[in-house]
């Protein structure tokens, strides 16, 4: 509450984890709800090339067979259940893509085995493409 009072008319926001385990271990949600104007829930990186199968970076709902709490809907509802005012909850979005090179191109879709896609020219990171790299792709 002290931070909000010290900020005066300024807007106070924070970015927070979407993972329920991190919410439980790291945040006093009722106090945060009183202390900030908005929270940006980082609803991305639920899946990535640190896994050996494909998955959505920022799914709205869980895919069949997926961990039920690794999705945007669960995370936003969890923050509200823990005491954050819904009017203060903002969905944080990723402006990049995650990619895999499939182990078997015939086995594609969510959960297909794969390895990180090759690095893009500017971000130079396996399995990652920045928005400005994806926006240049010619899709046929």
Protein backbone atom coordinates (compact mmCIF):
# COMPACT_ATOMS: atom_id res chain seq x y z
CA UNK A 1 0.00 0.00 0.00
CA UNK A 2 2.93 2.33 0.68
CA UNK A 3 4.08 2.11 -2.93
CA UNK A 4 0.64 3.10 -4.23
CA UNK A 5 0.49 6.05 -1.84
CA UNK A 6 4.01 7.16 -2.76
CA UNK A 7 3.15 6.99 -6.47
CA UNK A 8 0.39 9.55 -6.09
CA UNK A 9 -1.46 9.90 -9.40
CA UNK A 10 0.98 7.66 -11.29
CA UNK A 11 -0.16 4.22 -12.45
CA UNK A 12 1.58 1.35 -10.66
CA UNK A 13 1.87 -1.94 -12.55
CA UNK A 14 3.89 -5.11 -12.20
CA UNK A 15 4.55 -8.17 -14.35
CA UNK A 16 3.94 -11.46 -12.56
CA UNK A 17 4.26 -15.17 -13.19
CA UNK A 18 1.35 -17.15 -14.60
CA UNK A 19 2.43 -20.38 -12.88
CA UNK A 20 0.27 -21.31 -9.87
CA UNK A 21 3.30 -22.65 -7.99
CA UNK A 22 5.09 -19.31 -8.36
CA UNK A 23 1.97 -17.41 -7.30
CA UNK A 24 1.74 -19.57 -4.16
CA UNK A 25 5.43 -19.24 -3.31
CA UNK A 26 6.15 -15.67 -4.30
CA UNK A 27 3.19 -13.33 -4.02
CA UNK A 28 0.94 -11.93 -1.31
CA UNK A 29 -1.97 -11.52 -3.71
CA UNK A 30 -4.43 -9.63 -1.45
CA UNK A 31 -1.71 -7.08 -0.60
CA UNK A 32 -0.74 -6.73 -4.28
CA UNK A 33 -4.38 -6.18 -5.16
CA UNK A 34 -4.44 -3.19 -2.79
CA UNK A 35 -1.03 -1.88 -3.91
CA UNK A 36 -1.12 -1.79 -7.71
CA UNK A 37 -3.39 -0.47 -10.44
CA UNK A 38 -2.78 -3.40 -12.81
CA UNK A 39 -0.83 -6.62 -13.01
CA UNK A 40 0.42 -8.05 -16.28
CA UNK A 41 0.27 -11.84 -16.00
CA UNK A 42 3.03 -13.30 -18.18
CA UNK A 43 0.83 -15.84 -19.98
CA UNK A 44 3.52 -17.17 -22.29
CA UNK A 45 6.38 -19.64 -22.30
CA UNK A 46 4.06 -22.37 -21.11
CA UNK A 47 5.84 -24.56 -23.65
CA UNK A 48 9.05 -24.16 -25.58
CA UNK A 49 12.04 -25.88 -27.04
CA UNK A 50 13.34 -26.85 -23.60
CA UNK A 51 10.75 -29.64 -24.05
CA UNK A 52 11.19 -32.52 -26.50
CA UNK A 53 7.70 -32.19 -27.97
CA UNK A 54 5.78 -29.39 -29.62
CA UNK A 55 3.41 -27.23 -27.60
CA UNK A 56 1.70 -23.86 -27.74
CA UNK A 57 3.74 -21.00 -26.34
CA UNK A 58 0.67 -19.18 -25.03
CA UNK A 59 -2.44 -21.39 -25.13
CA UNK A 60 -5.78 -19.91 -24.13
CA UNK A 61 -7.02 -23.31 -22.87
CA UNK A 62 -5.21 -26.58 -22.24
CA UNK A 63 -4.80 -28.97 -25.15
CA UNK A 64 -5.92 -32.60 -24.78
CA UNK A 65 -3.36 -34.41 -22.64
CA UNK A 66 -1.69 -31.17 -21.57
CA UNK A 67 -1.06 -30.04 -18.00
CA UNK A 68 -4.36 -28.45 -17.00
CA UNK A 69 -2.85 -25.38 -15.35
CA UNK A 70 -0.45 -24.38 -18.15
CA UNK A 71 -2.82 -22.05 -20.01
CA UNK A 72 -4.02 -18.47 -19.96
CA UNK A 73 -7.59 -19.13 -18.77
CA UNK A 74 -6.43 -21.12 -15.75
CA UNK A 75 -3.78 -18.56 -14.82
CA UNK A 76 -6.07 -15.56 -14.98
CA UNK A 77 -8.78 -17.34 -12.99
CA UNK A 78 -6.20 -18.52 -10.45
CA UNK A 79 -4.98 -14.98 -9.81
CA UNK A 80 -8.60 -13.90 -9.26
CA UNK A 81 -9.28 -16.85 -6.92
CA UNK A 82 -6.20 -15.90 -4.89
CA UNK A 83 -7.60 -12.40 -4.32
CA UNK A 84 -6.59 -10.19 -7.25
CA UNK A 85 -9.38 -7.92 -8.48
CA UNK A 86 -10.39 -9.05 -11.98
CA UNK A 87 -10.49 -5.44 -13.17
CA UNK A 88 -6.74 -5.21 -12.50
CA UNK A 89 -5.76 -8.38 -14.40
CA UNK A 90 -4.09 -7.90 -17.80
CA UNK A 91 -2.98 -10.70 -20.13
CA UNK A 92 0.70 -10.35 -20.96
CA UNK A 93 1.43 -11.51 -24.51
CA UNK A 94 4.57 -12.67 -26.24
CA UNK A 95 5.55 -10.97 -29.48
CA UNK A 96 7.74 -13.84 -30.62
CA UNK A 97 7.33 -17.41 -31.74
CA UNK A 98 8.71 -20.74 -30.60
CA UNK A 99 9.53 -23.40 -33.16
CA UNK A 100 10.54 -27.03 -33.51
CA UNK A 101 12.04 -29.19 -36.21
CA UNK A 102 9.91 -32.33 -36.18
CA UNK A 103 11.60 -35.66 -35.57
CA UNK A 104 9.17 -37.21 -38.07
CA UNK A 105 7.37 -34.79 -40.43
CA UNK A 106 4.47 -37.27 -40.69
CA UNK A 107 3.91 -36.97 -36.95
CA UNK A 108 2.94 -33.33 -36.60
CA UNK A 109 0.69 -31.32 -34.35
CA UNK A 110 0.69 -30.61 -30.63
CA UNK A 111 2.77 -33.09 -28.69
CA UNK A 112 4.77 -34.28 -31.71
CA UNK A 113 8.42 -35.11 -30.96
CA UNK A 114 10.86 -32.43 -32.06
CA UNK A 115 14.00 -30.43 -31.48
CA UNK A 116 14.50 -26.65 -31.57
CA UNK A 117 14.14 -25.09 -35.00
CA UNK A 118 17.27 -23.47 -36.48
CA UNK A 119 18.09 -19.96 -35.27
CA UNK A 120 16.73 -16.99 -37.18
CA UNK A 121 19.14 -14.44 -38.67
CA UNK A 122 18.77 -11.70 -36.03
CA UNK A 123 17.71 -13.34 -32.78
CA UNK A 124 20.22 -16.18 -33.35
CA UNK A 125 18.55 -18.45 -30.80
CA UNK A 126 17.51 -22.04 -31.49
CA UNK A 127 13.73 -22.49 -31.44
CA UNK A 128 12.97 -18.77 -31.22
CA UNK A 129 11.86 -16.14 -33.73
CA UNK A 130 11.30 -12.49 -32.86
CA UNK A 131 8.20 -10.76 -34.22
CA UNK A 132 10.24 -8.78 -36.74
CA UNK A 133 11.63 -12.06 -38.09
CA UNK A 134 8.26 -13.81 -38.36
CA UNK A 135 6.65 -10.79 -40.02
CA UNK A 136 9.13 -11.06 -42.91
CA UNK A 137 8.29 -14.67 -43.74
CA UNK A 138 6.59 -15.29 -47.06
CA UNK A 139 3.86 -17.82 -46.42
CA UNK A 140 2.56 -19.61 -49.48
